[in-house]
Amino acid sequence: MASVSPNAVNIHLYSKLLFDPIRDFEPVIYFSQVPNILVVAAG
């Protein structure tokens, strides 16, 4: 199991990866859902 964020970030941080995160991974099963909330000041 893995999170999407490391795969999304690593492609931009490292010029040479041993794998292609877009081509080499396939979703197998929907496991869980985590809600995200962004809170910012009104100004």
PDB file of N, CA and C in Angstrom:
ATOM      1  N   MET A   1       0.852  -1.176   0.000  1.00  0.00           N
ATOM      2  CA  MET A   1       0.000   0.000   0.000  1.00  0.00           C
ATOM      3  C   MET A   1       0.887   1.224   0.000  1.00  0.00           C
ATOM      4  N   ALA A   2       0.424   2.254  -0.631  1.00  0.00           N
ATOM      5  CA  ALA A   2       1.191   3.492  -0.710  1.00  0.00           C
ATOM      6  C   ALA A   2       0.236   4.665  -0.888  1.00  0.00           C
ATOM      7  N   SER A   3       0.749   5.811  -0.573  1.00  0.00           N
ATOM      8  CA  SER A   3       0.007   7.045  -0.773  1.00  0.00           C
ATOM      9  C   SER A   3       0.335   7.597  -2.163  1.00  0.00           C
ATOM     10  N   VAL A   4      -0.547   8.380  -2.693  1.00  0.00           N
ATOM     11  CA  VAL A   4      -0.316   8.981  -4.008  1.00  0.00           C
ATOM     12  C   VAL A   4       0.747  10.068  -3.942  1.00  0.00           C
ATOM     13  N   SER A   5       0.811  10.806  -2.845  1.00  0.00           N
ATOM     14  CA  SER A   5       1.678  11.976  -2.775  1.00  0.00           C
ATOM     15  C   SER A   5       3.166  11.695  -3.001  1.00  0.00           C
ATOM     16  N   PRO A   6       3.790  10.660  -2.411  1.00  0.00           N
ATOM     17  CA  PRO A   6       5.215  10.441  -2.716  1.00  0.00           C
ATOM     18  C   PRO A   6       5.463  10.168  -4.196  1.00  0.00           C
ATOM     19  N   ASN A   7       4.587   9.427  -4.822  1.00  0.00           N
ATOM     20  CA  ASN A   7       4.760   9.149  -6.243  1.00  0.00           C
ATOM     21  C   ASN A   7       4.569  10.399  -7.089  1.00  0.00           C
ATOM     22  N   ALA A   8       3.666  11.263  -6.692  1.00  0.00           N
ATOM     23  CA  ALA A   8       3.447  12.507  -7.425  1.00  0.00           C
ATOM     24  C   ALA A   8       4.608  13.473  -7.244  1.00  0.00           C
ATOM     25  N   VAL A   9       5.205  13.506  -6.067  1.00  0.00           N
ATOM     26  CA  VAL A   9       6.302  14.432  -5.782  1.00  0.00           C
ATOM     27  C   VAL A   9       7.637  13.911  -6.303  1.00  0.00           C
ATOM     28  N   ASN A  10       7.895  12.621  -6.144  1.00  0.00           N
ATOM     29  CA  ASN A  10       9.196  12.068  -6.521  1.00  0.00           C
ATOM     30  C   ASN A  10       9.517  12.238  -7.994  1.00  0.00           C
ATOM     31  N   ILE A  11       8.529  12.202  -8.835  1.00  0.00           N
ATOM     32  CA  ILE A  11       8.769  12.373 -10.264  1.00  0.00           C
ATOM     33  C   ILE A  11       9.360  13.756 -10.566  1.00  0.00           C
ATOM     34  N   HIS A  12       9.082  14.738  -9.705  1.00  0.00           N
ATOM     35  CA  HIS A  12       9.601  16.088  -9.895  1.00  0.00           C
ATOM     36  C   HIS A  12      10.890  16.336  -9.107  1.00  0.00           C
ATOM     37  N   LEU A  13      11.129  15.582  -8.059  1.00  0.00           N
ATOM     38  CA  LEU A  13      12.325  15.771  -7.238  1.00  0.00           C
ATOM     39  C   LEU A  13      13.556  15.064  -7.789  1.00  0.00           C
ATOM     40  N   TYR A  14      13.377  13.921  -8.398  1.00  0.00           N
ATOM     41  CA  TYR A  14      14.497  13.087  -8.835  1.00  0.00           C
ATOM     42  C   TYR A  14      14.494  12.967 -10.352  1.00  0.00           C
ATOM     43  N   SER A  15      15.637  13.239 -10.958  1.00  0.00           N
ATOM     44  CA  SER A  15      15.710  13.194 -12.421  1.00  0.00           C
ATOM     45  C   SER A  15      15.687  11.774 -12.955  1.00  0.00           C
ATOM     46  N   LYS A  16      16.250  10.823 -12.198  1.00  0.00           N
ATOM     47  CA  LYS A  16      16.261   9.438 -12.652  1.00  0.00           C
ATOM     48  C   LYS A  16      15.691   8.534 -11.566  1.00  0.00           C
ATOM     49  N   LEU A  17      14.535   7.973 -11.828  1.00  0.00           N
ATOM     50  CA  LEU A  17      13.928   6.987 -10.942  1.00  0.00           C
ATOM     51  C   LEU A  17      14.087   5.614 -11.588  1.00  0.00           C
ATOM     52  N   LEU A  18      14.086   4.578 -10.793  1.00  0.00           N
ATOM     53  CA  LEU A  18      14.203   3.226 -11.324  1.00  0.00           C
ATOM     54  C   LEU A  18      12.874   2.719 -11.880  1.00  0.00           C
ATOM     55  N   PHE A  19      11.840   3.532 -11.789  1.00  0.00           N
ATOM     56  CA  PHE A  19      10.516   3.153 -12.274  1.00  0.00           C
ATOM     57  C   PHE A  19       9.801   4.402 -12.756  1.00  0.00           C
ATOM     58  N   ASP A  20       8.774   4.221 -13.528  1.00  0.00           N
ATOM     59  CA  ASP A  20       7.930   5.318 -13.988  1.00  0.00           C
ATOM     60  C   ASP A  20       6.627   5.258 -13.199  1.00  0.00           C
ATOM     61  N   PRO A  21       6.407   6.199 -12.278  1.00  0.00           N
ATOM     62  CA  PRO A  21       5.224   6.137 -11.416  1.00  0.00           C
ATOM     63  C   PRO A  21       3.902   6.169 -12.187  1.00  0.00           C
ATOM     64  N   ILE A  22       3.899   6.731 -13.351  1.00  0.00           N
ATOM     65  CA  ILE A  22       2.667   6.808 -14.130  1.00  0.00           C
ATOM     66  C   ILE A  22       2.426   5.499 -14.882  1.00  0.00           C
ATOM     67  N   ARG A  23       3.462   4.924 -15.453  1.00  0.00           N
ATOM     68  CA  ARG A  23       3.312   3.740 -16.286  1.00  0.00           C
ATOM     69  C   ARG A  23       3.389   2.425 -15.506  1.00  0.00           C
ATOM     70  N   ASP A  24       4.179   2.389 -14.439  1.00  0.00           N
ATOM     71  CA  ASP A  24       4.493   1.125 -13.775  1.00  0.00           C
ATOM     72  C   ASP A  24       3.536   0.714 -12.653  1.00  0.00           C
ATOM     73  N   PHE A  25       2.604   1.558 -12.290  1.00  0.00           N
ATOM     74  CA  PHE A  25       1.680   1.210 -11.215  1.00  0.00           C
ATOM     75  C   PHE A  25       0.249   1.179 -11.733  1.00  0.00           C
ATOM     76  N   GLU A  26      -0.521   0.246 -11.222  1.00  0.00           N
ATOM     77  CA  GLU A  26      -1.941   0.142 -11.541  1.00  0.00           C
ATOM     78  C   GLU A  26      -2.727   0.038 -10.238  1.00  0.00           C
ATOM     79  N   PRO A  27      -3.840   0.742 -10.110  1.00  0.00           N
ATOM     80  CA  PRO A  27      -4.674   0.565  -8.926  1.00  0.00           C
ATOM     81  C   PRO A  27      -5.285  -0.834  -8.930  1.00  0.00           C
ATOM     82  N   VAL A  28      -5.304  -1.453  -7.775  1.00  0.00           N
ATOM     83  CA  VAL A  28      -5.815  -2.812  -7.673  1.00  0.00           C
ATOM     84  C   VAL A  28      -7.174  -2.826  -6.990  1.00  0.00           C
ATOM     85  N   ILE A  29      -7.281  -2.062  -5.893  1.00  0.00           N
ATOM     86  CA  ILE A  29      -8.519  -2.069  -5.134  1.00  0.00           C
ATOM     87  C   ILE A  29      -8.659  -0.718  -4.422  1.00  0.00           C
ATOM     88  N   TYR A  30      -9.884  -0.278  -4.281  1.00  0.00           N
ATOM     89  CA  TYR A  30     -10.163   0.926  -3.507  1.00  0.00           C
ATOM     90  C   TYR A  30     -10.197   0.521  -2.041  1.00  0.00           C
ATOM     91  N   PHE A  31      -9.248   1.000  -1.270  1.00  0.00           N
ATOM     92  CA  PHE A  31      -9.097   0.541   0.105  1.00  0.00           C
ATOM     93  C   PHE A  31      -9.757   1.468   1.115  1.00  0.00           C
ATOM     94  N   SER A  32      -9.506   2.772   1.012  1.00  0.00           N
ATOM     95  CA  SER A  32     -10.077   3.708   1.984  1.00  0.00           C
ATOM     96  C   SER A  32     -10.143   5.109   1.387  1.00  0.00           C
ATOM     97  N   GLN A  33     -10.813   5.965   2.109  1.00  0.00           N
ATOM     98  CA  GLN A  33     -10.934   7.355   1.717  1.00  0.00           C
ATOM     99  C   GLN A  33     -10.567   8.223   2.904  1.00  0.00           C
ATOM    100  N   VAL A  34      -9.738   9.237   2.651  1.00  0.00           N
ATOM    101  CA  VAL A  34      -9.308  10.153   3.705  1.00  0.00           C
ATOM    102  C   VAL A  34      -9.690  11.563   3.288  1.00  0.00           C
ATOM    103  N   PRO A  35     -10.586  12.199   4.013  1.00  0.00           N
ATOM    104  CA  PRO A  35     -10.961  13.568   3.653  1.00  0.00           C
ATOM    105  C   PRO A  35      -9.832  14.547   3.962  1.00  0.00           C
ATOM    106  N   ASN A  36      -9.687  15.547   3.123  1.00  0.00           N
ATOM    107  CA  ASN A  36      -8.681  16.596   3.327  1.00  0.00           C
ATOM    108  C   ASN A  36      -9.399  17.932   3.444  1.00  0.00           C
ATOM    109  N   ILE A  37      -8.886  18.786   4.332  1.00  0.00           N
ATOM    110  CA  ILE A  37      -9.468  20.099   4.545  1.00  0.00           C
ATOM    111  C   ILE A  37      -8.351  21.123   4.495  1.00  0.00           C
ATOM    112  N   LEU A  38      -8.562  22.198   3.766  1.00  0.00           N
ATOM    113  CA  LEU A  38      -7.618  23.305   3.694  1.00  0.00           C
ATOM    114  C   LEU A  38      -8.260  24.505   4.388  1.00  0.00           C
ATOM    115  N   VAL A  39      -7.583  25.025   5.408  1.00  0.00           N
ATOM    116  CA  VAL A  39      -8.090  26.170   6.167  1.00  0.00           C
ATOM    117  C   VAL A  39      -7.153  27.340   5.953  1.00  0.00           C
ATOM    118  N   VAL A  40      -7.698  28.477   5.526  1.00  0.00           N
ATOM    119  CA  VAL A  40      -6.893  29.669   5.299  1.00  0.00           C
ATOM    120  C   VAL A  40      -7.572  30.875   5.947  1.00  0.00           C
ATOM    121  N   ALA A  41      -6.790  31.902   6.179  1.00  0.00           N
ATOM    122  CA  ALA A  41      -7.332  33.137   6.746  1.00  0.00           C
ATOM    123  C   ALA A  41      -8.189  33.853   5.697  1.00  0.00           C
ATOM    124  N   ALA A  42      -9.199  34.561   6.161  1.00  0.00           N
ATOM    125  CA  ALA A  42     -10.107  35.250   5.249  1.00  0.00           C
ATOM    126  C   ALA A  42      -9.389  36.348   4.464  1.00  0.00           C
ATOM    127  N   GLY A  43      -8.317  36.913   5.031  1.00  0.00           N
ATOM    128  CA  GLY A  43      -7.593  38.016   4.386  1.00  0.00           C
ATOM    129  C   GLY A  43      -6.645  37.511   3.363  1.00  0.00           C
TER     130      GLY A  43
END
